[in-house]
PDB file of all heavy atoms in Angstrom:
ATOM      1  N   VAL A   1      66.565  93.774  -6.866  1.00  0.00           N
ATOM      2  CA  VAL A   1      66.514  94.986  -7.647  1.00  0.00           C
ATOM      3  C   VAL A   1      67.721  95.831  -7.318  1.00  0.00           C
ATOM      4  O   VAL A   1      67.964  96.226  -6.116  1.00  0.00           O
ATOM      5  CB  VAL A   1      65.259  95.796  -7.406  1.00  0.00           C
ATOM      6  CG1 VAL A   1      65.288  97.131  -8.140  1.00  0.00           C
ATOM      7  CG2 VAL A   1      64.055  94.973  -7.804  1.00  0.00           C
ATOM      8  N   GLU A   2      68.594  96.112  -8.275  1.00  0.00           N
ATOM      9  CA  GLU A   2      69.804  96.961  -8.064  1.00  0.00           C
ATOM     10  C   GLU A   2      69.628  98.353  -8.557  1.00  0.00           C
ATOM     11  O   GLU A   2      70.213  99.246  -7.963  1.00  0.00           O
ATOM     12  CB  GLU A   2      70.981  96.297  -8.719  1.00  0.00           C
ATOM     13  CG  GLU A   2      71.491  95.077  -8.073  1.00  0.00           C
ATOM     14  CD  GLU A   2      72.982  95.014  -7.984  1.00  0.00           C
ATOM     15  OE1 GLU A   2      73.696  95.694  -8.860  1.00  0.00           O
ATOM     16  OE2 GLU A   2      73.515  94.263  -7.157  1.00  0.00           O
ATOM     17  N   ARG A   3      68.766  98.518  -9.521  1.00  0.00           N
ATOM     18  CA  ARG A   3      68.458  99.896 -10.048  1.00  0.00           C
ATOM     19  C   ARG A   3      67.043  99.969 -10.467  1.00  0.00           C
ATOM     20  O   ARG A   3      66.500  98.979 -10.996  1.00  0.00           O
ATOM     21  CB  ARG A   3      69.401 100.273 -11.179  1.00  0.00           C
ATOM     22  CG  ARG A   3      70.911 100.454 -10.879  1.00  0.00           C
ATOM     23  CD  ARG A   3      71.700 100.957 -12.061  1.00  0.00           C
ATOM     24  NE  ARG A   3      71.254 102.266 -12.442  1.00  0.00           N
ATOM     25  CZ  ARG A   3      71.638 102.859 -13.563  1.00  0.00           C
ATOM     26  NH1 ARG A   3      72.540 102.253 -14.383  1.00  0.00           N
ATOM     27  NH2 ARG A   3      71.149 104.025 -13.910  1.00  0.00           N
ATOM     28  N   ALA A   4      66.442 101.125 -10.338  1.00  0.00           N
ATOM     29  CA  ALA A   4      65.038 101.283 -10.726  1.00  0.00           C
ATOM     30  C   ALA A   4      64.869 102.565 -11.484  1.00  0.00           C
ATOM     31  O   ALA A   4      65.409 103.610 -11.143  1.00  0.00           O
ATOM     32  CB  ALA A   4      64.114 101.301  -9.505  1.00  0.00           C
ATOM     33  N   GLY A   5      64.119 102.483 -12.647  1.00  0.00           N
ATOM     34  CA  GLY A   5      63.901 103.648 -13.463  1.00  0.00           C
ATOM     35  C   GLY A   5      63.027 104.697 -12.720  1.00  0.00           C
ATOM     36  O   GLY A   5      62.345 104.368 -11.762  1.00  0.00           O
ATOM     37  N   ALA A   6      62.979 105.915 -13.234  1.00  0.00           N
ATOM     38  CA  ALA A   6      62.307 107.015 -12.568  1.00  0.00           C
ATOM     39  C   ALA A   6      60.835 106.809 -12.446  1.00  0.00           C
ATOM     40  O   ALA A   6      60.166 107.349 -11.531  1.00  0.00           O
ATOM     41  CB  ALA A   6      62.612 108.314 -13.319  1.00  0.00           C
ATOM     42  N   LEU A   7      60.207 106.024 -13.317  1.00  0.00           N
ATOM     43  CA  LEU A   7      58.804 105.792 -13.296  1.00  0.00           C
ATOM     44  C   LEU A   7      58.341 104.614 -12.457  1.00  0.00           C
ATOM     45  O   LEU A   7      57.150 104.323 -12.273  1.00  0.00           O
ATOM     46  CB  LEU A   7      58.206 105.604 -14.664  1.00  0.00           C
ATOM     47  CG  LEU A   7      58.475 106.779 -15.670  1.00  0.00           C
ATOM     48  CD1 LEU A   7      57.857 106.462 -17.049  1.00  0.00           C
ATOM     49  CD2 LEU A   7      57.883 108.044 -15.118  1.00  0.00           C
ATOM     50  N   VAL A   8      59.298 103.914 -11.906  1.00  0.00           N
ATOM     51  CA  VAL A   8      59.000 102.647 -11.151  1.00  0.00           C
ATOM     52  C   VAL A   8      58.572 103.012  -9.743  1.00  0.00           C
ATOM     53  O   VAL A   8      59.193 103.693  -9.042  1.00  0.00           O
ATOM     54  CB  VAL A   8      60.223 101.669 -11.064  1.00  0.00           C
ATOM     55  CG1 VAL A   8      59.896 100.500 -10.161  1.00  0.00           C
ATOM     56  CG2 VAL A   8      60.581 101.245 -12.497  1.00  0.00           C
ATOM     57  N   ARG A   9      57.323 102.498  -9.357  1.00  0.00           N
ATOM     58  CA  ARG A   9      56.760 102.756  -8.047  1.00  0.00           C
ATOM     59  C   ARG A   9      56.427 101.518  -7.323  1.00  0.00           C
ATOM     60  O   ARG A   9      56.255 101.465  -6.141  1.00  0.00           O
ATOM     61  CB  ARG A   9      55.485 103.636  -8.112  1.00  0.00           C
ATOM     62  CG  ARG A   9      55.686 104.986  -8.789  1.00  0.00           C
ATOM     63  CD  ARG A   9      56.418 105.964  -7.849  1.00  0.00           C
ATOM     64  NE  ARG A   9      56.528 107.251  -8.442  1.00  0.00           N
ATOM     65  CZ  ARG A   9      57.500 107.684  -9.220  1.00  0.00           C
ATOM     66  NH1 ARG A   9      58.491 106.834  -9.475  1.00  0.00           N
ATOM     67  NH2 ARG A   9      57.564 108.866  -9.725  1.00  0.00           N
ATOM     68  N   HIS A  10      56.341 100.385  -8.089  1.00  0.00           N
ATOM     69  CA  HIS A  10      55.777  99.141  -7.523  1.00  0.00           C
ATOM     70  C   HIS A  10      56.840  98.495  -6.608  1.00  0.00           C
ATOM     71  O   HIS A  10      56.432  97.834  -5.633  1.00  0.00           O
ATOM     72  CB  HIS A  10      55.425  98.235  -8.653  1.00  0.00           C
ATOM     73  CG  HIS A  10      55.028  96.853  -8.343  1.00  0.00           C
ATOM     74  ND1 HIS A  10      53.981  96.638  -7.412  1.00  0.00           N
ATOM     75  CD2 HIS A  10      55.427  95.630  -8.675  1.00  0.00           C
ATOM     76  CE1 HIS A  10      53.865  95.332  -7.282  1.00  0.00           C
ATOM     77  NE2 HIS A  10      54.697  94.689  -7.991  1.00  0.00           N
ATOM     78  N   VAL A  11      58.123  98.648  -6.955  1.00  0.00           N
ATOM     79  CA  VAL A  11      59.176  98.012  -6.091  1.00  0.00           C
ATOM     80  C   VAL A  11      60.311  99.002  -5.892  1.00  0.00           C
ATOM     81  O   VAL A  11      60.382 100.020  -6.576  1.00  0.00           O
ATOM     82  CB  VAL A  11      59.708  96.748  -6.764  1.00  0.00           C
ATOM     83  CG1 VAL A  11      58.683  95.599  -6.835  1.00  0.00           C
ATOM     84  CG2 VAL A  11      60.176  96.965  -8.191  1.00  0.00           C
ATOM     85  N   GLN A  12      61.168  98.666  -4.989  1.00  0.00           N
ATOM     86  CA  GLN A  12      62.314  99.549  -4.711  1.00  0.00           C
ATOM     87  C   GLN A  12      63.598  98.812  -4.793  1.00  0.00           C
ATOM     88  O   GLN A  12      63.679  97.577  -4.771  1.00  0.00           O
ATOM     89  CB  GLN A  12      62.166 100.133  -3.315  1.00  0.00           C
ATOM     90  CG  GLN A  12      60.869 100.950  -3.071  1.00  0.00           C
ATOM     91  CD  GLN A  12      60.773 101.478  -1.608  1.00  0.00           C
ATOM     92  OE1 GLN A  12      61.433 100.938  -0.718  1.00  0.00           O
ATOM     93  NE2 GLN A  12      59.975 102.568  -1.497  1.00  0.00           N
ATOM     94  N   VAL A  13      64.697  99.584  -4.890  1.00  0.00           N
ATOM     95  CA  VAL A  13      66.026  98.968  -4.862  1.00  0.00           C
ATOM     96  C   VAL A  13      66.191  98.172  -3.498  1.00  0.00           C
ATOM     97  O   VAL A  13      65.819  98.640  -2.498  1.00  0.00           O
ATOM     98  CB  VAL A  13      67.144 100.086  -4.950  1.00  0.00           C
ATOM     99  CG1 VAL A  13      68.535  99.499  -4.647  1.00  0.00           C
ATOM    100  CG2 VAL A  13      67.078 100.784  -6.271  1.00  0.00           C
ATOM    101  N   GLY A  14      66.713  96.946  -3.637  1.00  0.00           N
ATOM    102  CA  GLY A  14      66.935  96.115  -2.533  1.00  0.00           C
ATOM    103  C   GLY A  14      65.819  95.042  -2.382  1.00  0.00           C
ATOM    104  O   GLY A  14      65.964  94.087  -1.577  1.00  0.00           O
ATOM    105  N   ASP A  15      64.685  95.230  -3.098  1.00  0.00           N
ATOM    106  CA  ASP A  15      63.570  94.233  -2.995  1.00  0.00           C
ATOM    107  C   ASP A  15      63.979  92.948  -3.782  1.00  0.00           C
ATOM    108  O   ASP A  15      64.682  92.999  -4.890  1.00  0.00           O
ATOM    109  CB  ASP A  15      62.280  94.768  -3.588  1.00  0.00           C
ATOM    110  CG  ASP A  15      61.670  95.871  -2.722  1.00  0.00           C
ATOM    111  OD1 ASP A  15      62.117  96.042  -1.608  1.00  0.00           O
ATOM    112  OD2 ASP A  15      60.677  96.444  -3.244  1.00  0.00           O
ATOM    113  N   ARG A  16      63.618  91.851  -3.234  1.00  0.00           N
ATOM    114  CA  ARG A  16      63.713  90.554  -4.019  1.00  0.00           C
ATOM    115  C   ARG A  16      62.464  90.387  -4.822  1.00  0.00           C
ATOM    116  O   ARG A  16      61.367  90.474  -4.327  1.00  0.00           O
ATOM    117  CB  ARG A  16      63.957  89.388  -3.128  1.00  0.00           C
ATOM    118  CG  ARG A  16      64.029  88.030  -3.845  1.00  0.00           C
ATOM    119  CD  ARG A  16      64.482  86.900  -2.968  1.00  0.00           C
ATOM    120  NE  ARG A  16      65.950  87.002  -2.699  1.00  0.00           N
ATOM    121  CZ  ARG A  16      66.441  87.159  -1.504  1.00  0.00           C
ATOM    122  NH1 ARG A  16      65.646  87.231  -0.475  1.00  0.00           N
ATOM    123  NH2 ARG A  16      67.774  87.250  -1.316  1.00  0.00           N
ATOM    124  N   VAL A  17      62.631  90.139  -6.182  1.00  0.00           N
ATOM    125  CA  VAL A  17      61.475  89.975  -7.067  1.00  0.00           C
ATOM    126  C   VAL A  17      61.657  88.827  -7.957  1.00  0.00           C
ATOM    127  O   VAL A  17      62.741  88.267  -8.150  1.00  0.00           O
ATOM    128  CB  VAL A  17      61.280  91.252  -7.890  1.00  0.00           C
ATOM    129  CG1 VAL A  17      60.983  92.482  -7.008  1.00  0.00           C
ATOM    130  CG2 VAL A  17      62.472  91.514  -8.792  1.00  0.00           C
ATOM    131  N   ALA A  18      60.535  88.400  -8.536  1.00  0.00           N
ATOM    132  CA  ALA A  18      60.521  87.345  -9.550  1.00  0.00           C
ATOM    133  C   ALA A  18      60.174  87.938 -10.941  1.00  0.00           C
ATOM    134  O   ALA A  18      59.375  88.858 -11.052  1.00  0.00           O
ATOM    135  CB  ALA A  18      59.467  86.295  -9.251  1.00  0.00           C
ATOM    136  N   ILE A  19      60.869  87.372 -11.955  1.00  0.00           N
ATOM    137  CA  ILE A  19      60.637  87.823 -13.393  1.00  0.00           C
ATOM    138  C   ILE A  19      59.930  86.657 -14.002  1.00  0.00           C
ATOM    139  O   ILE A  19      60.599  85.645 -14.378  1.00  0.00           O
ATOM    140  CB  ILE A  19      61.913  88.154 -14.074  1.00  0.00           C
ATOM    141  CG1 ILE A  19      62.670  89.253 -13.364  1.00  0.00           C
ATOM    142  CG2 ILE A  19      61.684  88.552 -15.528  1.00  0.00           C
ATOM    143  CD1 ILE A  19      64.085  89.585 -13.963  1.00  0.00           C
ATOM    144  N   PRO A  20      58.619  86.674 -14.150  1.00  0.00           N
ATOM    145  CA  PRO A  20      57.898  85.510 -14.658  1.00  0.00           C
ATOM    146  C   PRO A  20      57.780  85.618 -16.208  1.00  0.00           C
ATOM    147  O   PRO A  20      58.269  86.518 -16.837  1.00  0.00           O
ATOM    148  CB  PRO A  20      56.565  85.655 -14.023  1.00  0.00           C
ATOM    149  CG  PRO A  20      56.355  87.139 -13.846  1.00  0.00           C
ATOM    150  CD  PRO A  20      57.762  87.724 -13.686  1.00  0.00           C
ATOM    151  N   TRP A  21      56.999  84.662 -16.777  1.00  0.00           N
ATOM    152  CA  TRP A  21      56.747  84.542 -18.192  1.00  0.00           C
ATOM    153  C   TRP A  21      56.138  85.804 -18.768  1.00  0.00           C
ATOM    154  O   TRP A  21      56.566  86.309 -19.797  1.00  0.00           O
ATOM    155  CB  TRP A  21      55.898  83.338 -18.506  1.00  0.00           C
ATOM    156  CG  TRP A  21      55.339  83.198 -19.879  1.00  0.00           C
ATOM    157  CD1 TRP A  21      54.081  83.394 -20.301  1.00  0.00           C
ATOM    158  CD2 TRP A  21      56.109  82.796 -21.059  1.00  0.00           C
ATOM    159  NE1 TRP A  21      54.017  83.146 -21.735  1.00  0.00           N
ATOM    160  CE2 TRP A  21      55.260  82.820 -22.147  1.00  0.00           C
ATOM    161  CE3 TRP A  21      57.506  82.504 -21.275  1.00  0.00           C
ATOM    162  CZ2 TRP A  21      55.651  82.450 -23.460  1.00  0.00           C
ATOM    163  CZ3 TRP A  21      57.889  82.143 -22.580  1.00  0.00           C
ATOM    164  CH2 TRP A  21      57.006  82.148 -23.656  1.00  0.00           C
ATOM    165  N   LEU A  22      55.198  86.385 -18.060  1.00  0.00           N
ATOM    166  CA  LEU A  22      54.538  87.576 -18.559  1.00  0.00           C
ATOM    167  C   LEU A  22      55.430  88.773 -18.235  1.00  0.00           C
ATOM    168  O   LEU A  22      55.457  89.324 -17.107  1.00  0.00           O
ATOM    169  CB  LEU A  22      53.166  87.735 -17.900  1.00  0.00           C
ATOM    170  CG  LEU A  22      52.323  88.965 -18.364  1.00  0.00           C
ATOM    171  CD1 LEU A  22      51.875  88.739 -19.806  1.00  0.00           C
ATOM    172  CD2 LEU A  22      51.105  89.242 -17.465  1.00  0.00           C
ATOM    173  N   ALA A  23      56.222  89.174 -19.234  1.00  0.00           N
ATOM    174  CA  ALA A  23      57.073  90.348 -19.045  1.00  0.00           C
ATOM    175  C   ALA A  23      56.309  91.637 -18.939  1.00  0.00           C
ATOM    176  O   ALA A  23      56.664  92.456 -18.136  1.00  0.00           O
ATOM    177  CB  ALA A  23      58.116  90.374 -20.217  1.00  0.00           C
ATOM    178  N   ASP A  24      55.325  91.811 -19.761  1.00  0.00           N
ATOM    179  CA  ASP A  24      54.426  92.992 -19.635  1.00  0.00           C
ATOM    180  C   ASP A  24      53.222  92.708 -20.527  1.00  0.00           C
ATOM    181  O   ASP A  24      53.234  91.828 -21.420  1.00  0.00           O
ATOM    182  CB  ASP A  24      55.103  94.213 -19.982  1.00  0.00           C
ATOM    183  CG  ASP A  24      55.610  94.359 -21.408  1.00  0.00           C
ATOM    184  OD1 ASP A  24      54.847  94.298 -22.333  1.00  0.00           O
ATOM    185  OD2 ASP A  24      56.847  94.438 -21.579  1.00  0.00           O
ATOM    186  N   ALA A  25      52.207  93.512 -20.354  1.00  0.00           N
ATOM    187  CA  ALA A  25      51.025  93.459 -21.236  1.00  0.00           C
ATOM    188  C   ALA A  25      50.532  94.891 -21.420  1.00  0.00           C
ATOM    189  O   ALA A  25      51.094  95.834 -20.800  1.00  0.00           O
ATOM    190  CB  ALA A  25      49.921  92.610 -20.593  1.00  0.00           C
ATOM    191  N   CYS A  26      49.517  95.087 -22.249  1.00  0.00           N
ATOM    192  CA  CYS A  26      49.071  96.466 -22.525  1.00  0.00           C
ATOM    193  C   CYS A  26      48.429  97.136 -21.362  1.00  0.00           C
ATOM    194  O   CYS A  26      48.518  98.362 -21.170  1.00  0.00           O
ATOM    195  CB  CYS A  26      48.172  96.471 -23.771  1.00  0.00           C
ATOM    196  SG  CYS A  26      46.453  96.030 -23.454  1.00  0.00           S
ATOM    197  N   GLY A  27      47.728  96.380 -20.452  1.00  0.00           N
ATOM    198  CA  GLY A  27      47.068  96.881 -19.347  1.00  0.00           C
ATOM    199  C   GLY A  27      45.783  97.618 -19.594  1.00  0.00           C
ATOM    200  O   GLY A  27      45.109  98.151 -18.688  1.00  0.00           O
ATOM    201  N   ARG A  28      45.291  97.637 -20.852  1.00  0.00           N
ATOM    202  CA  ARG A  28      44.106  98.376 -21.240  1.00  0.00           C
ATOM    203  C   ARG A  28      43.048  97.532 -21.931  1.00  0.00           C
ATOM    204  O   ARG A  28      41.862  97.872 -21.993  1.00  0.00           O
ATOM    205  CB  ARG A  28      44.503  99.519 -22.168  1.00  0.00           C
ATOM    206  CG  ARG A  28      45.398 100.536 -21.545  1.00  0.00           C
ATOM    207  CD  ARG A  28      45.763 101.669 -22.507  1.00  0.00           C
ATOM    208  NE  ARG A  28      46.367 101.153 -23.706  1.00  0.00           N
ATOM    209  CZ  ARG A  28      47.704 100.883 -23.814  1.00  0.00           C
ATOM    210  NH1 ARG A  28      48.494 101.133 -22.842  1.00  0.00           N
ATOM    211  NH2 ARG A  28      48.209 100.427 -24.964  1.00  0.00           N
ATOM    212  N   CYS A  29      43.429  96.427 -22.552  1.00  0.00           N
ATOM    213  CA  CYS A  29      42.444  95.592 -23.283  1.00  0.00           C
ATOM    214  C   CYS A  29      41.502  94.895 -22.391  1.00  0.00           C
ATOM    215  O   CYS A  29      41.668  94.904 -21.165  1.00  0.00           O
ATOM    216  CB  CYS A  29      43.193  94.607 -24.238  1.00  0.00           C
ATOM    217  SG  CYS A  29      44.047  93.291 -23.252  1.00  0.00           S
TER     218      CYS A  29
END
């Protein structure tokens, strides 16, 4: 992670992360 938007709390700049098939979902259904 090189930059993080203002609402991002889950990870921080410098963390190594994976970008999987599920890019995002609604989180409510």
